[in-house]
């Protein structure tokens, strides 16, 4: 995967495709990123949520093959697993992006 530096927000709305020997098949659009263990000292992004014709689908990071030079996410397989519920993972876009965070002293940070 070539995405080494940048912002996750730049990937929201991008197209995800399935790698094939012929033309690439569209899998959907990225709408969120999931962290399964947000309480870990160094939490990692465990997967993506795609909006597909069949509804929201979960894509584990192991199924992400590449991010090409045009910003298209290339997947190893078409996602079939429904997106994880909010109580099973931290949804970065839904739960954190564009939210105001207040520290323990009470100052607001945007």
PDB file of N, CA and C in Angstrom:
ATOM      1  N   UNK A   1       0.854  -1.170   0.000  1.00  0.00           N
ATOM      2  CA  UNK A   1       0.000   0.000   0.000  1.00  0.00           C
ATOM      3  C   UNK A   1       0.897   1.228   0.000  1.00  0.00           C
ATOM      4  N   UNK A   2       0.609   2.179  -0.858  1.00  0.00           N
ATOM      5  CA  UNK A   2       1.489   3.316  -1.019  1.00  0.00           C
ATOM      6  C   UNK A   2       1.108   4.525  -0.171  1.00  0.00           C
ATOM      7  N   UNK A   3      -0.011   4.499   0.529  1.00  0.00           N
ATOM      8  CA  UNK A   3      -0.443   5.632   1.348  1.00  0.00           C
ATOM      9  C   UNK A   3       0.381   5.659   2.625  1.00  0.00           C
ATOM     10  N   UNK A   4       1.332   6.550   2.693  1.00  0.00           N
ATOM     11  CA  UNK A   4       2.214   6.640   3.843  1.00  0.00           C
ATOM     12  C   UNK A   4       1.987   7.911   4.642  1.00  0.00           C
ATOM     13  N   UNK A   5       1.556   8.965   3.975  1.00  0.00           N
ATOM     14  CA  UNK A   5       1.410  10.247   4.622  1.00  0.00           C
ATOM     15  C   UNK A   5       0.152  10.922   4.106  1.00  0.00           C
ATOM     16  N   UNK A   6      -0.586  11.534   4.973  1.00  0.00           N
ATOM     17  CA  UNK A   6      -1.790  12.226   4.556  1.00  0.00           C
ATOM     18  C   UNK A   6      -2.852  12.153   5.625  1.00  0.00           C
ATOM     19  N   UNK A   7      -4.065  12.444   5.225  1.00  0.00           N
ATOM     20  CA  UNK A   7      -5.185  12.496   6.157  1.00  0.00           C
ATOM     21  C   UNK A   7      -6.236  11.475   5.751  1.00  0.00           C
ATOM     22  N   UNK A   8      -6.791  10.779   6.745  1.00  0.00           N
ATOM     23  CA  UNK A   8      -7.857   9.823   6.461  1.00  0.00           C
ATOM     24  C   UNK A   8      -9.047  10.513   5.812  1.00  0.00           C
ATOM     25  N   UNK A   9      -9.296  11.751   6.194  1.00  0.00           N
ATOM     26  CA  UNK A   9     -10.435  12.474   5.625  1.00  0.00           C
ATOM     27  C   UNK A   9     -10.320  12.605   4.113  1.00  0.00           C
ATOM     28  N   UNK A  10      -9.096  12.545   3.576  1.00  0.00           N
ATOM     29  CA  UNK A  10      -8.905  12.618   2.128  1.00  0.00           C
ATOM     30  C   UNK A  10      -9.370  11.345   1.424  1.00  0.00           C
ATOM     31  N   UNK A  11      -9.505  10.256   2.172  1.00  0.00           N
ATOM     32  CA  UNK A  11      -9.909   8.985   1.587  1.00  0.00           C
ATOM     33  C   UNK A  11     -11.418   8.752   1.647  1.00  0.00           C
ATOM     34  N   UNK A  12     -12.117   9.487   2.519  1.00  0.00           N
ATOM     35  CA  UNK A  12     -13.567   9.332   2.629  1.00  0.00           C
ATOM     36  C   UNK A  12     -14.208   9.759   1.309  1.00  0.00           C
ATOM     37  N   UNK A  13     -15.079   8.899   0.808  1.00  0.00           N
ATOM     38  CA  UNK A  13     -15.751   9.172  -0.463  1.00  0.00           C
ATOM     39  C   UNK A  13     -15.030   8.612  -1.677  1.00  0.00           C
ATOM     40  N   UNK A  14     -13.816   8.105  -1.460  1.00  0.00           N
ATOM     41  CA  UNK A  14     -13.063   7.524  -2.576  1.00  0.00           C
ATOM     42  C   UNK A  14     -13.658   6.186  -2.977  1.00  0.00           C
ATOM     43  N   UNK A  15     -13.456   5.824  -4.216  1.00  0.00           N
ATOM     44  CA  UNK A  15     -13.944   4.564  -4.746  1.00  0.00           C
ATOM     45  C   UNK A  15     -13.018   3.428  -4.350  1.00  0.00           C
ATOM     46  N   UNK A  16     -13.610   2.295  -4.030  1.00  0.00           N
ATOM     47  CA  UNK A  16     -12.856   1.069  -3.787  1.00  0.00           C
ATOM     48  C   UNK A  16     -13.212   0.093  -4.895  1.00  0.00           C
ATOM     49  N   UNK A  17     -12.205  -0.563  -5.444  1.00  0.00           N
ATOM     50  CA  UNK A  17     -12.416  -1.527  -6.517  1.00  0.00           C
ATOM     51  C   UNK A  17     -11.796  -2.857  -6.122  1.00  0.00           C
ATOM     52  N   UNK A  18     -12.228  -3.904  -6.811  1.00  0.00           N
ATOM     53  CA  UNK A  18     -11.663  -5.231  -6.588  1.00  0.00           C
ATOM     54  C   UNK A  18     -10.665  -5.494  -7.696  1.00  0.00           C
ATOM     55  N   UNK A  19      -9.455  -5.922  -7.313  1.00  0.00           N
ATOM     56  CA  UNK A  19      -8.415  -6.217  -8.298  1.00  0.00           C
ATOM     57  C   UNK A  19      -8.812  -7.460  -9.078  1.00  0.00           C
ATOM     58  N   UNK A  20      -8.751  -7.363 -10.365  1.00  0.00           N
ATOM     59  CA  UNK A  20      -9.060  -8.485 -11.254  1.00  0.00           C
ATOM     60  C   UNK A  20      -8.042  -8.484 -12.386  1.00  0.00           C
ATOM     61  N   UNK A  21      -8.013  -9.549 -13.140  1.00  0.00           N
ATOM     62  CA  UNK A  21      -7.109  -9.585 -14.283  1.00  0.00           C
ATOM     63  C   UNK A  21      -7.635  -8.724 -15.419  1.00  0.00           C
ATOM     64  N   UNK A  22      -8.947  -8.536 -15.490  1.00  0.00           N
ATOM     65  CA  UNK A  22      -9.560  -7.674 -16.499  1.00  0.00           C
ATOM     66  C   UNK A  22      -9.887  -6.327 -15.890  1.00  0.00           C
ATOM     67  N   UNK A  23     -10.983  -5.717 -16.355  1.00  0.00           N
ATOM     68  CA  UNK A  23     -11.396  -4.420 -15.779  1.00  0.00           C
ATOM     69  C   UNK A  23     -11.724  -4.565 -14.288  1.00  0.00           C
ATOM     70  N   UNK A  24     -11.423  -3.517 -13.541  1.00  0.00           N
ATOM     71  CA  UNK A  24     -11.661  -3.559 -12.099  1.00  0.00           C
ATOM     72  C   UNK A  24     -13.152  -3.392 -11.815  1.00  0.00           C
ATOM     73  N   UNK A  25     -13.669  -4.194 -10.895  1.00  0.00           N
ATOM     74  CA  UNK A  25     -15.071  -4.121 -10.499  1.00  0.00           C
ATOM     75  C   UNK A  25     -15.218  -3.191  -9.309  1.00  0.00           C
ATOM     76  N   UNK A  26     -16.116  -2.236  -9.405  1.00  0.00           N
ATOM     77  CA  UNK A  26     -16.340  -1.305  -8.307  1.00  0.00           C
ATOM     78  C   UNK A  26     -16.950  -2.040  -7.124  1.00  0.00           C
ATOM     79  N   UNK A  27     -16.411  -1.777  -5.933  1.00  0.00           N
ATOM     80  CA  UNK A  27     -16.914  -2.407  -4.712  1.00  0.00           C
ATOM     81  C   UNK A  27     -17.772  -1.441  -3.909  1.00  0.00           C
ATOM     82  N   UNK A  28     -17.563  -0.138  -4.067  1.00  0.00           N
ATOM     83  CA  UNK A  28     -18.321   0.860  -3.321  1.00  0.00           C
ATOM     84  C   UNK A  28     -17.460   2.070  -2.995  1.00  0.00           C
ATOM     85  N   UNK A  29     -17.946   2.892  -2.079  1.00  0.00           N
ATOM     86  CA  UNK A  29     -17.232   4.102  -1.650  1.00  0.00           C
ATOM     87  C   UNK A  29     -16.925   4.011  -0.164  1.00  0.00           C
ATOM     88  N   UNK A  30     -15.754   4.521   0.204  1.00  0.00           N
ATOM     89  CA  UNK A  30     -15.340   4.523   1.608  1.00  0.00           C
ATOM     90  C   UNK A  30     -16.165   5.556   2.371  1.00  0.00           C
ATOM     91  N   UNK A  31     -16.776   5.100   3.478  1.00  0.00           N
ATOM     92  CA  UNK A  31     -17.539   6.042   4.306  1.00  0.00           C
ATOM     93  C   UNK A  31     -17.019   6.109   5.737  1.00  0.00           C
ATOM     94  N   UNK A  32     -16.177   5.134   6.150  1.00  0.00           N
ATOM     95  CA  UNK A  32     -15.685   5.174   7.520  1.00  0.00           C
ATOM     96  C   UNK A  32     -14.477   4.255   7.692  1.00  0.00           C
ATOM     97  N   UNK A  33     -13.817   4.401   8.829  1.00  0.00           N
ATOM     98  CA  UNK A  33     -12.687   3.566   9.232  1.00  0.00           C
ATOM     99  C   UNK A  33     -12.987   3.041  10.624  1.00  0.00           C
ATOM    100  N   UNK A  34     -12.653   1.775  10.881  1.00  0.00           N
ATOM    101  CA  UNK A  34     -12.983   1.163  12.162  1.00  0.00           C
ATOM    102  C   UNK A  34     -11.754   0.835  12.985  1.00  0.00           C
ATOM    103  N   UNK A  35     -11.867   1.085  14.276  1.00  0.00           N
ATOM    104  CA  UNK A  35     -10.855   0.700  15.254  1.00  0.00           C
ATOM    105  C   UNK A  35     -11.558  -0.243  16.223  1.00  0.00           C
ATOM    106  N   UNK A  36     -11.160  -1.520  16.219  1.00  0.00           N
ATOM    107  CA  UNK A  36     -11.830  -2.521  17.052  1.00  0.00           C
ATOM    108  C   UNK A  36     -11.467  -2.388  18.523  1.00  0.00           C
ATOM    109  N   UNK A  37     -10.238  -1.945  18.824  1.00  0.00           N
ATOM    110  CA  UNK A  37      -9.787  -1.826  20.222  1.00  0.00           C
ATOM    111  C   UNK A  37      -9.284  -0.406  20.488  1.00  0.00           C
ATOM    112  N   UNK A  38     -10.207   0.550  20.604  1.00  0.00           N
ATOM    113  CA  UNK A  38      -9.780   1.945  20.787  1.00  0.00           C
ATOM    114  C   UNK A  38      -9.089   2.213  22.113  1.00  0.00           C
ATOM    115  N   UNK A  39      -9.212   1.313  23.084  1.00  0.00           N
ATOM    116  CA  UNK A  39      -8.581   1.524  24.388  1.00  0.00           C
ATOM    117  C   UNK A  39      -7.134   1.040  24.435  1.00  0.00           C
ATOM    118  N   UNK A  40      -6.655   0.402  23.374  1.00  0.00           N
ATOM    119  CA  UNK A  40      -5.255  -0.022  23.320  1.00  0.00           C
ATOM    120  C   UNK A  40      -4.342   1.199  23.401  1.00  0.00           C
ATOM    121  N   UNK A  41      -3.136   1.055  23.944  1.00  0.00           N
ATOM    122  CA  UNK A  41      -2.217   2.199  24.016  1.00  0.00           C
ATOM    123  C   UNK A  41      -1.908   2.806  22.648  1.00  0.00           C
ATOM    124  N   UNK A  42      -1.810   1.971  21.616  1.00  0.00           N
ATOM    125  CA  UNK A  42      -1.561   2.443  20.255  1.00  0.00           C
ATOM    126  C   UNK A  42      -2.565   1.778  19.322  1.00  0.00           C
ATOM    127  N   UNK A  43      -3.819   2.272  19.302  1.00  0.00           N
ATOM    128  CA  UNK A  43      -4.847   1.622  18.493  1.00  0.00           C
ATOM    129  C   UNK A  43      -4.536   1.733  17.006  1.00  0.00           C
ATOM    130  N   UNK A  44      -4.955   0.718  16.271  1.00  0.00           N
ATOM    131  CA  UNK A  44      -4.746   0.703  14.824  1.00  0.00           C
ATOM    132  C   UNK A  44      -6.098   0.681  14.113  1.00  0.00           C
ATOM    133  N   UNK A  45      -6.078   1.098  12.873  1.00  0.00           N
ATOM    134  CA  UNK A  45      -7.273   1.001  12.042  1.00  0.00           C
ATOM    135  C   UNK A  45      -7.374  -0.444  11.589  1.00  0.00           C
ATOM    136  N   UNK A  46      -8.476  -1.076  11.934  1.00  0.00           N
ATOM    137  CA  UNK A  46      -8.658  -2.494  11.633  1.00  0.00           C
ATOM    138  C   UNK A  46      -9.374  -2.737  10.320  1.00  0.00           C
ATOM    139  N   UNK A  47     -10.094  -1.740   9.825  1.00  0.00           N
ATOM    140  CA  UNK A  47     -10.807  -1.952   8.573  1.00  0.00           C
ATOM    141  C   UNK A  47     -11.516  -0.707   8.089  1.00  0.00           C
ATOM    142  N   UNK A  48     -12.163  -0.867   6.949  1.00  0.00           N
ATOM    143  CA  UNK A  48     -12.914   0.200   6.302  1.00  0.00           C
ATOM    144  C   UNK A  48     -14.390  -0.161   6.291  1.00  0.00           C
ATOM    145  N   UNK A  49     -15.225   0.837   6.160  1.00  0.00           N
ATOM    146  CA  UNK A  49     -16.643   0.606   5.895  1.00  0.00           C
ATOM    147  C   UNK A  49     -16.913   1.183   4.512  1.00  0.00           C
ATOM    148  N   UNK A  50     -17.491   0.348   3.647  1.00  0.00           N
ATOM    149  CA  UNK A  50     -17.854   0.782   2.304  1.00  0.00           C
ATOM    150  C   UNK A  50     -19.360   0.884   2.175  1.00  0.00           C
ATOM    151  N   UNK A  51     -19.803   1.889   1.447  1.00  0.00           N
ATOM    152  CA  UNK A  51     -21.205   1.969   1.069  1.00  0.00           C
ATOM    153  C   UNK A  51     -21.313   1.242  -0.266  1.00  0.00           C
ATOM    154  N   UNK A  52     -22.093   0.175  -0.294  1.00  0.00           N
ATOM    155  CA  UNK A  52     -22.251  -0.639  -1.501  1.00  0.00           C
ATOM    156  C   UNK A  52     -23.723  -0.688  -1.895  1.00  0.00           C
ATOM    157  N   UNK A  53     -23.993  -1.293  -3.027  1.00  0.00           N
ATOM    158  CA  UNK A  53     -25.374  -1.469  -3.469  1.00  0.00           C
ATOM    159  C   UNK A  53     -26.161  -2.323  -2.482  1.00  0.00           C
ATOM    160  N   UNK A  54     -25.475  -3.224  -1.781  1.00  0.00           N
ATOM    161  CA  UNK A  54     -26.119  -4.111  -0.822  1.00  0.00           C
ATOM    162  C   UNK A  54     -26.120  -3.587   0.601  1.00  0.00           C
ATOM    163  N   UNK A  55     -25.710  -2.348   0.808  1.00  0.00           N
ATOM    164  CA  UNK A  55     -25.640  -1.769   2.143  1.00  0.00           C
ATOM    165  C   UNK A  55     -24.205  -1.550   2.581  1.00  0.00           C
ATOM    166  N   UNK A  56     -24.017  -1.210   3.842  1.00  0.00           N
ATOM    167  CA  UNK A  56     -22.676  -0.958   4.370  1.00  0.00           C
ATOM    168  C   UNK A  56     -21.961  -2.286   4.606  1.00  0.00           C
ATOM    169  N   UNK A  57     -20.700  -2.360   4.152  1.00  0.00           N
ATOM    170  CA  UNK A  57     -19.905  -3.579   4.275  1.00  0.00           C
ATOM    171  C   UNK A  57     -18.575  -3.272   4.940  1.00  0.00           C
ATOM    172  N   UNK A  58     -18.083  -4.242   5.718  1.00  0.00           N
ATOM    173  CA  UNK A  58     -16.809  -4.138   6.426  1.00  0.00           C
ATOM    174  C   UNK A  58     -15.707  -4.769   5.578  1.00  0.00           C
ATOM    175  N   UNK A  59     -14.576  -4.080   5.504  1.00  0.00           N
ATOM    176  CA  UNK A  59     -13.405  -4.588   4.790  1.00  0.00           C
ATOM    177  C   UNK A  59     -12.232  -4.579   5.770  1.00  0.00           C
ATOM    178  N   UNK A  60     -11.737  -5.757   6.185  1.00  0.00           N
ATOM    179  CA  UNK A  60     -10.553  -5.774   7.058  1.00  0.00           C
ATOM    180  C   UNK A  60      -9.341  -5.214   6.299  1.00  0.00           C
ATOM    181  N   UNK A  61      -8.423  -4.597   7.027  1.00  0.00           N
ATOM    182  CA  UNK A  61      -7.237  -4.011   6.384  1.00  0.00           C
ATOM    183  C   UNK A  61      -6.429  -5.053   5.618  1.00  0.00           C
ATOM    184  N   UNK A  62      -6.491  -6.300   6.035  1.00  0.00           N
ATOM    185  CA  UNK A  62      -5.774  -7.363   5.314  1.00  0.00           C
ATOM    186  C   UNK A  62      -6.299  -7.535   3.893  1.00  0.00           C
ATOM    187  N   UNK A  63      -7.532  -7.097   3.626  1.00  0.00           N
ATOM    188  CA  UNK A  63      -8.117  -7.204   2.289  1.00  0.00           C
ATOM    189  C   UNK A  63      -7.842  -5.987   1.418  1.00  0.00           C
ATOM    190  N   UNK A  64      -7.160  -4.974   1.968  1.00  0.00           N
ATOM    191  CA  UNK A  64      -6.783  -3.796   1.177  1.00  0.00           C
ATOM    192  C   UNK A  64      -5.436  -4.090   0.526  1.00  0.00           C
ATOM    193  N   UNK A  65      -5.430  -4.142  -0.802  1.00  0.00           N
ATOM    194  CA  UNK A  65      -4.216  -4.495  -1.537  1.00  0.00           C
ATOM    195  C   UNK A  65      -3.355  -3.278  -1.854  1.00  0.00           C
ATOM    196  N   UNK A  66      -3.989  -2.146  -2.161  1.00  0.00           N
ATOM    197  CA  UNK A  66      -3.206  -0.998  -2.613  1.00  0.00           C
ATOM    198  C   UNK A  66      -4.060   0.263  -2.575  1.00  0.00           C
ATOM    199  N   UNK A  67      -3.384   1.383  -2.594  1.00  0.00           N
ATOM    200  CA  UNK A  67      -3.982   2.688  -2.829  1.00  0.00           C
ATOM    201  C   UNK A  67      -3.232   3.215  -4.035  1.00  0.00           C
ATOM    202  N   UNK A  68      -3.900   3.273  -5.185  1.00  0.00           N
ATOM    203  CA  UNK A  68      -3.164   3.642  -6.395  1.00  0.00           C
ATOM    204  C   UNK A  68      -2.925   5.147  -6.485  1.00  0.00           C
ATOM    205  N   UNK A  69      -2.215   5.555  -7.510  1.00  0.00           N
ATOM    206  CA  UNK A  69      -1.817   6.960  -7.638  1.00  0.00           C
ATOM    207  C   UNK A  69      -2.993   7.900  -7.872  1.00  0.00           C
ATOM    208  N   UNK A  70      -4.171   7.381  -8.221  1.00  0.00           N
ATOM    209  CA  UNK A  70      -5.362   8.213  -8.416  1.00  0.00           C
ATOM    210  C   UNK A  70      -6.241   8.238  -7.171  1.00  0.00           C
ATOM    211  N   UNK A  71      -5.795   7.595  -6.095  1.00  0.00           N
ATOM    212  CA  UNK A  71      -6.552   7.585  -4.853  1.00  0.00           C
ATOM    213  C   UNK A  71      -7.622   6.520  -4.789  1.00  0.00           C
ATOM    214  N   UNK A  72      -7.539   5.544  -5.670  1.00  0.00           N
ATOM    215  CA  UNK A  72      -8.501   4.446  -5.658  1.00  0.00           C
ATOM    216  C   UNK A  72      -7.966   3.335  -4.763  1.00  0.00           C
ATOM    217  N   UNK A  73      -8.825   2.854  -3.876  1.00  0.00           N
ATOM    218  CA  UNK A  73      -8.474   1.751  -2.980  1.00  0.00           C
ATOM    219  C   UNK A  73      -8.710   0.443  -3.736  1.00  0.00           C
ATOM    220  N   UNK A  74      -7.689  -0.394  -3.795  1.00  0.00           N
ATOM    221  CA  UNK A  74      -7.794  -1.679  -4.482  1.00  0.00           C
ATOM    222  C   UNK A  74      -7.921  -2.775  -3.427  1.00  0.00           C
ATOM    223  N   UNK A  75      -8.991  -3.556  -3.531  1.00  0.00           N
ATOM    224  CA  UNK A  75      -9.272  -4.633  -2.580  1.00  0.00           C
ATOM    225  C   UNK A  75      -8.943  -5.989  -3.191  1.00  0.00           C
ATOM    226  N   UNK A  76      -8.631  -6.953  -2.341  1.00  0.00           N
ATOM    227  CA  UNK A  76      -8.343  -8.317  -2.789  1.00  0.00           C
ATOM    228  C   UNK A  76      -9.619  -9.076  -3.145  1.00  0.00           C
ATOM    229  N   UNK A  77     -10.738  -8.739  -2.497  1.00  0.00           N
ATOM    230  CA  UNK A  77     -11.997  -9.444  -2.729  1.00  0.00           C
ATOM    231  C   UNK A  77     -13.168  -8.504  -2.496  1.00  0.00           C
ATOM    232  N   UNK A  78     -14.291  -8.844  -3.079  1.00  0.00           N
ATOM    233  CA  UNK A  78     -15.516  -8.081  -2.883  1.00  0.00           C
ATOM    234  C   UNK A  78     -15.987  -8.260  -1.441  1.00  0.00           C
ATOM    235  N   UNK A  79     -16.255  -7.177  -0.709  1.00  0.00           N
ATOM    236  CA  UNK A  79     -16.662  -7.313   0.691  1.00  0.00           C
ATOM    237  C   UNK A  79     -18.072  -7.877   0.813  1.00  0.00           C
ATOM    238  N   UNK A  80     -18.233  -8.805   1.750  1.00  0.00           N
ATOM    239  CA  UNK A  80     -19.538  -9.419   1.973  1.00  0.00           C
ATOM    240  C   UNK A  80     -20.015  -9.266   3.418  1.00  0.00           C
ATOM    241  N   UNK A  81     -19.091  -8.985   4.334  1.00  0.00           N
ATOM    242  CA  UNK A  81     -19.424  -8.883   5.751  1.00  0.00           C
ATOM    243  C   UNK A  81     -20.132  -7.559   6.034  1.00  0.00           C
ATOM    244  N   UNK A  82     -21.295  -7.588   6.686  1.00  0.00           N
ATOM    245  CA  UNK A  82     -21.948  -6.327   7.062  1.00  0.00           C
ATOM    246  C   UNK A  82     -21.041  -5.504   7.983  1.00  0.00           C
ATOM    247  N   UNK A  83     -21.195  -4.196   7.938  1.00  0.00           N
ATOM    248  CA  UNK A  83     -20.399  -3.312   8.785  1.00  0.00           C
ATOM    249  C   UNK A  83     -20.641  -3.637  10.251  1.00  0.00           C
ATOM    250  N   UNK A  84     -19.594  -3.508  11.052  1.00  0.00           N
ATOM    251  CA  UNK A  84     -19.709  -3.777  12.486  1.00  0.00           C
ATOM    252  C   UNK A  84     -20.587  -2.718  13.145  1.00  0.00           C
ATOM    253  N   UNK A  85     -21.415  -3.113  14.118  1.00  0.00           N
ATOM    254  CA  UNK A  85     -22.245  -2.138  14.829  1.00  0.00           C
ATOM    255  C   UNK A  85     -21.385  -1.164  15.630  1.00  0.00           C
ATOM    256  N   UNK A  86     -21.963  -0.024  15.942  1.00  0.00           N
ATOM    257  CA  UNK A  86     -21.238   1.022  16.681  1.00  0.00           C
ATOM    258  C   UNK A  86     -20.736   0.549  18.035  1.00  0.00           C
ATOM    259  N   UNK A  87     -21.398  -0.396  18.668  1.00  0.00           N
ATOM    260  CA  UNK A  87     -20.960  -0.843  19.988  1.00  0.00           C
ATOM    261  C   UNK A  87     -19.819  -1.865  19.922  1.00  0.00           C
ATOM    262  N   UNK A  88     -19.423  -2.281  18.724  1.00  0.00           N
ATOM    263  CA  UNK A  88     -18.335  -3.249  18.570  1.00  0.00           C
ATOM    264  C   UNK A  88     -17.041  -2.633  18.060  1.00  0.00           C
ATOM    265  N   UNK A  89     -17.076  -1.374  17.661  1.00  0.00           N
ATOM    266  CA  UNK A  89     -15.874  -0.723  17.142  1.00  0.00           C
ATOM    267  C   UNK A  89     -16.059   0.788  17.183  1.00  0.00           C
ATOM    268  N   UNK A  90     -14.941   1.489  17.196  1.00  0.00           N
ATOM    269  CA  UNK A  90     -14.962   2.944  17.093  1.00  0.00           C
ATOM    270  C   UNK A  90     -14.994   3.296  15.606  1.00  0.00           C
ATOM    271  N   UNK A  91     -16.006   4.025  15.208  1.00  0.00           N
ATOM    272  CA  UNK A  91     -16.129   4.493  13.831  1.00  0.00           C
ATOM    273  C   UNK A  91     -15.494   5.887  13.788  1.00  0.00           C
ATOM    274  N   UNK A  92     -14.356   6.010  13.152  1.00  0.00           N
ATOM    275  CA  UNK A  92     -13.616   7.274  13.205  1.00  0.00           C
ATOM    276  C   UNK A  92     -14.387   8.444  12.616  1.00  0.00           C
ATOM    277  N   UNK A  93     -14.986   8.269  11.449  1.00  0.00           N
ATOM    278  CA  UNK A  93     -15.708   9.375  10.819  1.00  0.00           C
ATOM    279  C   UNK A  93     -16.965   9.706  11.621  1.00  0.00           C
ATOM    280  N   UNK A  94     -17.757   8.705  11.915  1.00  0.00           N
ATOM    281  CA  UNK A  94     -19.030   8.910  12.610  1.00  0.00           C
ATOM    282  C   UNK A  94     -18.823   9.396  14.044  1.00  0.00           C
ATOM    283  N   UNK A  95     -17.832   8.829  14.735  1.00  0.00           N
ATOM    284  CA  UNK A  95     -17.665   9.121  16.156  1.00  0.00           C
ATOM    285  C   UNK A  95     -16.693  10.257  16.482  1.00  0.00           C
ATOM    286  N   UNK A  96     -15.723  10.523  15.604  1.00  0.00           N
ATOM    287  CA  UNK A  96     -14.686  11.498  15.954  1.00  0.00           C
ATOM    288  C   UNK A  96     -14.543  12.685  15.013  1.00  0.00           C
ATOM    289  N   UNK A  97     -14.590  12.464  13.708  1.00  0.00           N
ATOM    290  CA  UNK A  97     -14.355  13.561  12.771  1.00  0.00           C
ATOM    291  C   UNK A  97     -15.386  14.658  12.987  1.00  0.00           C
ATOM    292  N   UNK A  98     -14.948  15.899  12.884  1.00  0.00           N
ATOM    293  CA  UNK A  98     -15.806  17.072  13.027  1.00  0.00           C
ATOM    294  C   UNK A  98     -16.524  17.141  14.369  1.00  0.00           C
ATOM    295  N   UNK A  99     -15.893  16.617  15.401  1.00  0.00           N
ATOM    296  CA  UNK A  99     -16.447  16.703  16.750  1.00  0.00           C
ATOM    297  C   UNK A  99     -15.574  17.632  17.575  1.00  0.00           C
ATOM    298  N   UNK A 100     -16.169  18.268  18.543  1.00  0.00           N
ATOM    299  CA  UNK A 100     -15.415  19.116  19.447  1.00  0.00           C
ATOM    300  C   UNK A 100     -14.968  18.264  20.638  1.00  0.00           C
ATOM    301  N   UNK A 101     -13.695  18.379  20.989  1.00  0.00           N
ATOM    302  CA  UNK A 101     -13.147  17.625  22.110  1.00  0.00           C
ATOM    303  C   UNK A 101     -12.782  18.611  23.209  1.00  0.00           C
ATOM    304  N   UNK A 102     -13.203  18.309  24.442  1.00  0.00           N
ATOM    305  CA  UNK A 102     -12.923  19.191  25.574  1.00  0.00           C
ATOM    306  C   UNK A 102     -11.965  18.458  26.505  1.00  0.00           C
ATOM    307  N   UNK A 103     -10.859  19.112  26.879  1.00  0.00           N
ATOM    308  CA  UNK A 103      -9.915  18.478  27.800  1.00  0.00           C
ATOM    309  C   UNK A 103     -10.404  18.622  29.245  1.00  0.00           C
ATOM    310  N   UNK A 104      -9.667  18.005  30.174  1.00  0.00           N
ATOM    311  CA  UNK A 104     -10.119  18.000  31.560  1.00  0.00           C
ATOM    312  C   UNK A 104     -10.092  19.377  32.226  1.00  0.00           C
ATOM    313  N   UNK A 105      -9.392  20.336  31.639  1.00  0.00           N
ATOM    314  CA  UNK A 105      -9.363  21.687  32.186  1.00  0.00           C
ATOM    315  C   UNK A 105     -10.588  22.479  31.693  1.00  0.00           C
ATOM    316  N   UNK A 106     -11.214  21.971  30.622  1.00  0.00           N
ATOM    317  CA  UNK A 106     -12.433  22.605  30.149  1.00  0.00           C
ATOM    318  C   UNK A 106     -12.262  23.451  28.913  1.00  0.00           C
ATOM    319  N   UNK A 107     -11.073  23.493  28.338  1.00  0.00           N
ATOM    320  CA  UNK A 107     -10.875  24.257  27.108  1.00  0.00           C
ATOM    321  C   UNK A 107     -11.368  23.426  25.923  1.00  0.00           C
ATOM    322  N   UNK A 108     -12.007  24.079  25.000  1.00  0.00           N
ATOM    323  CA  UNK A 108     -12.507  23.388  23.810  1.00  0.00           C
ATOM    324  C   UNK A 108     -11.404  23.348  22.762  1.00  0.00           C
ATOM    325  N   UNK A 109     -11.313  22.222  22.077  1.00  0.00           N
ATOM    326  CA  UNK A 109     -10.371  22.051  20.973  1.00  0.00           C
ATOM    327  C   UNK A 109     -11.175  21.631  19.755  1.00  0.00           C
ATOM    328  N   UNK A 110     -10.900  22.242  18.643  1.00  0.00           N
ATOM    329  CA  UNK A 110     -11.631  21.907  17.412  1.00  0.00           C
ATOM    330  C   UNK A 110     -10.691  21.300  16.401  1.00  0.00           C
TER     331      UNK A 110
END
